[in-house]
Amino acid sequence: MPPPARAARPRESRIERAILYLLAMVFLALGIIGVFVPGLPTTVFILMAAWAAARSSPRLHQWLRRHRLFGPMLVNWEAGGYVSRKAKRSASLAMLACMLVMAVFRPPVWAMILAASCMAGVAIWLWQRPEPPAGR
């Protein structure tokens, strides 16, 4: 079982909690769709879902932290912004695959440049993130 998360204090207002819970569910749905749709990010949506859940539903937040697929990523991120080498490789390969698909289908040059620039920026940022300490 992952260590307990830093307890984000749930919002006082019922309306705030309801809106944040709705956002958590929307982000979670987008993250799950991203598992199956190439080019749609999964990680960023799951991180946003966890952020919103921590402020609206401790139960949903703990469910996300214990999830077989999403849990390790969330625990690493919450412990210090860690990203595993496996996750870095997977994301880099997915971005490379997207670039190859774009090269095959030949979108406008401006779209290729924009997409390549965004992916390069994400890859640089991602590979600068610390990796979890040994034994995590």
Protein backbone atom coordinates (compact mmCIF):
# COMPACT_ATOMS: atom_id res chain seq x y z
CA MET A 1 0.00 0.00 0.00
CA PRO A 2 1.39 3.43 -0.91
CA PRO A 3 2.31 5.83 1.87
CA PRO A 4 -0.41 8.29 2.77
CA ALA A 5 -0.58 11.39 0.61
CA ARG A 6 0.01 14.81 2.00
CA ALA A 7 -3.48 15.60 3.09
CA ALA A 8 -4.89 18.38 0.99
CA ARG A 9 -7.56 20.00 3.03
CA PRO A 10 -10.97 19.45 1.41
CA ARG A 11 -12.74 22.67 0.52
CA GLU A 12 -15.35 23.99 2.92
CA SER A 13 -17.97 24.96 0.37
CA ARG A 14 -20.19 22.18 -0.94
CA ILE A 15 -20.33 23.91 -4.31
CA GLU A 16 -16.52 24.09 -4.52
CA ARG A 17 -16.25 20.41 -3.60
CA ALA A 18 -18.91 19.46 -6.15
CA ILE A 19 -17.17 21.40 -8.93
CA LEU A 20 -13.78 19.93 -8.04
CA TYR A 21 -15.27 16.43 -7.88
CA LEU A 22 -16.84 16.93 -11.31
CA LEU A 23 -13.48 18.14 -12.64
CA ALA A 24 -11.78 15.10 -11.11
CA MET A 25 -14.22 12.79 -12.88
CA VAL A 26 -13.83 14.60 -16.23
CA PHE A 27 -10.03 14.51 -15.94
CA LEU A 28 -10.14 10.84 -14.96
CA ALA A 29 -12.34 10.04 -17.97
CA LEU A 30 -9.98 11.92 -20.29
CA GLY A 31 -7.01 10.10 -18.76
CA ILE A 32 -8.65 6.72 -19.30
CA ILE A 33 -9.49 7.63 -22.90
CA GLY A 34 -5.86 8.70 -23.32
CA VAL A 35 -4.74 5.15 -22.50
CA PHE A 36 -6.38 4.01 -25.74
CA VAL A 37 -6.15 7.07 -28.02
CA PRO A 38 -2.69 7.82 -29.38
CA GLY A 39 -1.71 11.46 -28.97
CA LEU A 40 -4.10 12.12 -26.09
CA PRO A 41 -2.07 12.38 -22.89
CA THR A 42 -2.91 10.15 -19.98
CA THR A 43 -0.52 11.25 -17.27
CA VAL A 44 -1.40 14.93 -17.17
CA PHE A 45 -5.12 14.18 -16.90
CA ILE A 46 -4.58 11.62 -14.13
CA LEU A 47 -2.40 14.10 -12.21
CA MET A 48 -5.12 16.78 -12.56
CA ALA A 49 -7.77 14.25 -11.49
CA ALA A 50 -5.74 13.42 -8.38
CA TRP A 51 -5.26 17.12 -7.59
CA ALA A 52 -9.01 17.80 -7.85
CA ALA A 53 -9.91 14.60 -5.96
CA ALA A 54 -7.54 15.47 -3.10
CA ARG A 55 -9.50 18.70 -2.63
CA SER A 56 -12.98 17.25 -3.04
CA SER A 57 -13.07 13.51 -2.32
CA PRO A 58 -10.42 11.83 -0.16
CA ARG A 59 -12.03 8.51 -1.05
CA LEU A 60 -11.55 9.04 -4.81
CA HIS A 61 -8.02 10.32 -4.21
CA GLN A 62 -7.09 7.18 -2.26
CA TRP A 63 -8.69 5.01 -4.94
CA LEU A 64 -6.50 6.69 -7.56
CA ARG A 65 -3.39 6.23 -5.38
CA ARG A 66 -4.14 2.51 -4.99
CA HIS A 67 -5.01 1.96 -8.65
CA ARG A 68 -2.89 -0.71 -10.33
CA LEU A 69 -2.05 1.45 -13.36
CA PHE A 70 -2.21 5.03 -12.06
CA GLY A 71 -1.20 4.55 -8.43
CA PRO A 72 2.58 4.19 -8.74
CA MET A 73 2.77 7.26 -10.99
CA LEU A 74 0.73 9.35 -8.54
CA VAL A 75 2.65 8.17 -5.49
CA ASN A 76 5.95 9.02 -7.21
CA TRP A 77 4.70 12.44 -8.30
CA GLU A 78 3.30 13.31 -4.87
CA ALA A 79 6.50 12.13 -3.15
CA GLY A 80 8.67 14.66 -4.97
CA GLY A 81 7.76 15.08 -8.61
CA TYR A 82 9.47 11.81 -9.49
CA VAL A 83 8.99 10.22 -12.90
CA SER A 84 10.23 6.67 -13.45
CA ARG A 85 12.66 5.91 -16.25
CA LYS A 86 10.10 3.49 -17.70
CA ALA A 87 7.50 6.28 -17.86
CA LYS A 88 10.02 8.62 -19.47
CA ARG A 89 10.86 6.03 -22.11
CA SER A 90 7.21 5.24 -22.78
CA ALA A 91 6.30 8.90 -23.19
CA SER A 92 9.29 9.53 -25.44
CA LEU A 93 8.43 6.55 -27.63
CA ALA A 94 4.79 7.67 -27.85
CA MET A 95 5.89 11.15 -28.94
CA LEU A 96 8.25 9.64 -31.51
CA ALA A 97 5.43 7.44 -32.84
CA CYS A 98 3.20 10.50 -33.17
CA MET A 99 5.93 12.28 -35.12
CA LEU A 100 6.30 9.28 -37.45
CA VAL A 101 2.54 9.18 -38.05
CA MET A 102 2.60 12.89 -38.84
CA ALA A 103 5.50 12.35 -41.25
CA VAL A 104 3.49 9.68 -43.07
CA PHE A 105 0.30 11.75 -43.32
CA ARG A 106 2.13 15.02 -44.07
CA PRO A 107 0.15 17.72 -42.28
CA PRO A 108 0.90 21.38 -43.11
CA VAL A 109 4.50 22.33 -42.32
CA TRP A 110 3.41 24.78 -39.61
CA ALA A 111 1.51 21.97 -37.83
CA MET A 112 4.54 19.68 -37.99
CA ILE A 113 6.80 22.38 -36.58
CA LEU A 114 4.34 23.27 -33.82
CA ALA A 115 3.81 19.63 -32.81
CA ALA A 116 7.52 18.82 -32.94
CA SER A 117 8.35 21.89 -30.85
CA CYS A 118 5.75 21.03 -28.21
CA MET A 119 6.87 17.41 -28.01
CA ALA A 120 10.53 18.41 -27.82
CA GLY A 121 9.73 20.81 -24.97
CA VAL A 122 7.80 18.13 -23.11
CA ALA A 123 10.58 15.58 -23.65
CA ILE A 124 13.24 17.98 -22.35
CA TRP A 125 11.15 18.81 -19.29
CA LEU A 126 10.29 15.15 -18.69
CA TRP A 127 13.90 13.91 -18.82
CA GLN A 128 14.91 16.63 -16.35
CA ARG A 129 12.44 15.32 -13.74
CA PRO A 130 14.09 13.32 -10.95
CA GLU A 131 13.68 9.55 -10.88
CA PRO A 132 12.34 7.83 -7.77
CA PRO A 133 14.98 6.82 -5.23
CA ALA A 134 16.05 3.18 -5.35
CA GLY A 135 13.53 0.90 -3.67
CA ARG A 136 10.44 2.95 -4.56
